[in-house]
Structures are given as C-alpha cells and as structure tokens.
C-alpha cells in the first residue's frame, strides 16, 4: 500500500466522523432533491422560499448569509423566483435605498402544496432512528454548529 492510499484509508476518528456525516447528509439531500425534481422544481429555490417564509421580509444580503452564498449569487437565485411570481421586492422601510424580499401568495401556496410530501419522503429515510436518537442527533449537530 503506497503512502497516499494509506493516508486516505487510515482516517483518524474525527475525519471518519466528518466524512460519515457528509455522506449521510448527501444521501438525505438527494432524497429531497429527487422529490423536487420529480415535481419540476429546484431544491435550492425551495430552500430560499422556506427561509423567506421563516424570516418574513428579509434583506437579500441577510438571506445570502443564511443560505451560505455570496451577495452576488443571491441576485441570480432570486431573479427566477421573482420572475415566476413567487417573491416580490419592495423598499426597506428602515432604509429606502435597500430592498427587502417577501414571499408572495403563490410562493406560499407552492410550499403548502409540496412541503408535506417532501418532508414525508425525508422522514421515511430517517425512520431508522427512534425519537431519543433523533433528539441526540439534533443535540450533536447543534453542538457542531456552535463556533467559538
């Protein structure tokens, strides 16, 4: 076995845990994404609609930060949603130079129509964990998400 192969195969525990988490996440995201694709929808755009629904009217820069994209990319992601009538832009009441994004009634209806079935598809994949294990998983993931 050469040095590179040894390095790749013999992972320290924290590295193995990381890549196991990445693989599990990718598998679950794939379940969700396949659902959205089967409905002719885009999972990334749905995520944006969900985040706007959670926040209410939101600045594009804040939305970009929440979903982990650059300010330049958020504009490209919002344009089709606005074109399709799922979001609107309006002047920020605090700073008229800025615009805020809101979900439209059509956007809300889209989510209400499809989120339950999407969540059921994901829940089906998560059924191997009991409630105690799910709570433990949430606790551990939140612990990982806390940066000091």
Protein backbone atom coordinates (compact mmCIF):
# COMPACT_ATOMS: atom_id res chain seq x y z
CA UNK A 1 0.00 0.00 0.00
CA UNK A 2 1.54 3.33 -1.01
CA UNK A 3 1.68 6.40 1.24
CA UNK A 4 -1.32 8.21 -0.33
CA UNK A 5 -3.53 5.13 -0.18
CA UNK A 6 -2.56 4.61 3.47
CA UNK A 7 -3.36 8.26 4.22
CA UNK A 8 -6.77 8.03 2.54
CA UNK A 9 -7.77 4.71 4.06
CA UNK A 10 -6.45 5.19 7.61
CA UNK A 11 -8.52 8.12 8.81
CA UNK A 12 -8.43 9.48 12.36
CA UNK A 13 -11.76 9.18 14.18
CA UNK A 14 -12.70 12.88 13.74
CA UNK A 15 -12.03 12.63 9.98
CA UNK A 16 -14.07 9.43 9.67
CA UNK A 17 -16.93 11.06 11.62
CA UNK A 18 -16.79 14.11 9.34
CA UNK A 19 -16.94 12.11 6.13
CA UNK A 20 -19.69 9.85 7.51
CA UNK A 21 -21.71 13.00 8.29
CA UNK A 22 -21.05 14.38 4.80
CA UNK A 23 -22.14 11.12 3.16
CA UNK A 24 -25.31 10.84 5.27
CA UNK A 25 -26.18 14.46 4.54
CA UNK A 26 -25.62 13.98 0.81
CA UNK A 27 -27.91 10.93 0.82
CA UNK A 28 -30.70 12.78 2.63
CA UNK A 29 -30.34 15.87 0.42
CA UNK A 30 -30.56 13.56 -2.58
CA UNK A 31 -33.91 12.21 -1.36
CA UNK A 32 -35.24 15.75 -1.04
CA UNK A 33 -33.75 16.91 -4.33
CA UNK A 34 -35.21 13.92 -6.22
CA UNK A 35 -38.62 14.84 -4.87
CA UNK A 36 -38.30 18.45 -6.05
CA UNK A 37 -37.02 17.36 -9.46
CA UNK A 38 -39.96 14.95 -9.84
CA UNK A 39 -42.24 17.98 -9.41
CA UNK A 40 -40.24 20.09 -11.87
CA UNK A 41 -38.91 22.25 -9.05
CA UNK A 42 -35.47 23.27 -7.84
CA UNK A 43 -34.49 22.40 -4.27
CA UNK A 44 -32.24 25.45 -3.87
CA UNK A 45 -35.09 27.76 -4.83
CA UNK A 46 -37.42 25.96 -2.44
CA UNK A 47 -34.88 26.45 0.35
CA UNK A 48 -34.88 30.17 -0.38
CA UNK A 49 -38.68 30.29 -0.22
CA UNK A 50 -38.63 28.41 3.09
CA UNK A 51 -36.06 30.81 4.57
CA UNK A 52 -38.05 33.84 3.42
CA UNK A 53 -41.16 32.27 4.97
CA UNK A 54 -39.33 31.84 8.27
CA UNK A 55 -37.97 35.38 8.33
CA UNK A 56 -40.75 37.39 6.70
CA UNK A 57 -39.45 40.36 4.71
CA UNK A 58 -35.68 39.95 4.51
CA UNK A 59 -32.72 41.78 3.02
CA UNK A 60 -31.06 39.86 0.18
CA UNK A 61 -27.70 40.16 1.97
CA UNK A 62 -29.15 38.57 5.12
CA UNK A 63 -30.72 35.79 3.07
CA UNK A 64 -27.38 35.19 1.32
CA UNK A 65 -25.68 34.84 4.70
CA UNK A 66 -28.33 32.39 6.00
CA UNK A 67 -28.14 30.07 3.00
CA UNK A 68 -24.39 30.40 2.60
CA UNK A 69 -24.00 32.10 -0.77
CA UNK A 70 -22.34 35.32 -1.83
CA UNK A 71 -24.27 38.55 -2.23
CA UNK A 72 -23.56 38.36 -5.96
CA UNK A 73 -25.05 34.85 -6.23
CA UNK A 74 -28.19 35.67 -4.26
CA UNK A 75 -29.32 38.02 -7.01
CA UNK A 76 -29.05 35.23 -9.59
CA UNK A 77 -31.04 32.92 -7.32
CA UNK A 78 -33.78 35.47 -6.61
CA UNK A 79 -34.36 36.59 -10.21
CA UNK A 80 -36.21 33.42 -11.38
CA UNK A 81 -38.29 33.37 -8.20
CA UNK A 82 -39.35 36.95 -8.80
CA UNK A 83 -39.98 36.28 -12.50
CA UNK A 84 -42.21 33.31 -11.56
CA UNK A 85 -44.19 35.47 -9.12
CA UNK A 86 -43.05 33.53 -6.02
CA UNK A 87 -41.32 36.50 -4.35
CA UNK A 88 -41.51 40.27 -4.54
CA UNK A 89 -39.01 43.02 -3.85
CA UNK A 90 -40.00 46.22 -2.08
CA UNK A 91 -38.24 49.15 -0.45
CA UNK A 92 -36.93 48.55 3.04
CA UNK A 93 -38.98 50.65 5.48
CA UNK A 94 -35.82 51.29 7.57
CA UNK A 95 -33.56 52.24 4.66
CA UNK A 96 -35.26 53.17 1.40
CA UNK A 97 -32.03 52.58 -0.54
CA UNK A 98 -32.29 48.85 0.18
CA UNK A 99 -34.86 46.34 -0.96
CA UNK A 100 -36.41 43.51 1.00
CA UNK A 101 -37.66 40.20 -0.32
CA UNK A 102 -41.05 38.75 0.62
CA UNK A 103 -42.81 35.57 -0.40
CA UNK A 104 -46.00 36.00 -2.43
CA UNK A 105 -49.27 34.16 -2.00
CA UNK A 106 -48.24 31.98 -4.97
CA UNK A 107 -44.96 31.15 -3.24
CA UNK A 108 -46.77 30.26 -0.04
CA UNK A 109 -49.19 28.03 -1.95
CA UNK A 110 -46.30 26.25 -3.66
CA UNK A 111 -44.74 25.45 -0.29
CA UNK A 112 -48.04 24.41 1.27
CA UNK A 113 -48.68 22.08 -1.66
CA UNK A 114 -45.29 20.38 -1.72
CA UNK A 115 -43.53 20.63 1.66
CA UNK A 116 -45.66 17.97 3.41
CA UNK A 117 -44.87 15.31 0.81
CA UNK A 118 -41.20 16.31 0.67
CA UNK A 119 -40.93 16.13 4.45
CA UNK A 120 -42.59 12.71 4.40
CA UNK A 121 -40.00 11.45 1.89
CA UNK A 122 -37.18 12.64 4.14
CA UNK A 123 -38.90 11.27 7.27
CA UNK A 124 -39.10 7.88 5.58
CA UNK A 125 -35.30 7.86 5.30
CA UNK A 126 -34.93 8.97 8.93
CA UNK A 127 -37.22 6.25 10.34
CA UNK A 128 -34.23 4.08 11.28
CA UNK A 129 -33.71 6.44 14.24
CA UNK A 130 -36.10 6.45 17.20
CA UNK A 131 -37.15 9.68 18.92
CA UNK A 132 -34.37 9.50 21.50
CA UNK A 133 -31.76 9.00 18.77
CA UNK A 134 -33.22 11.89 16.75
CA UNK A 135 -33.01 14.19 19.78
CA UNK A 136 -29.43 13.06 20.36
CA UNK A 137 -28.59 13.67 16.70
CA UNK A 138 -30.06 17.17 16.84
CA UNK A 139 -28.11 17.90 20.03
CA UNK A 140 -24.84 16.72 18.50
CA UNK A 141 -25.37 18.61 15.24
CA UNK A 142 -26.22 21.79 17.13
CA UNK A 143 -23.07 21.31 19.18
CA UNK A 144 -21.06 21.06 15.95
CA UNK A 145 -22.77 24.18 14.61
CA UNK A 146 -21.69 26.29 17.57
CA UNK A 147 -18.44 28.04 16.69
CA UNK A 148 -16.29 29.63 19.34
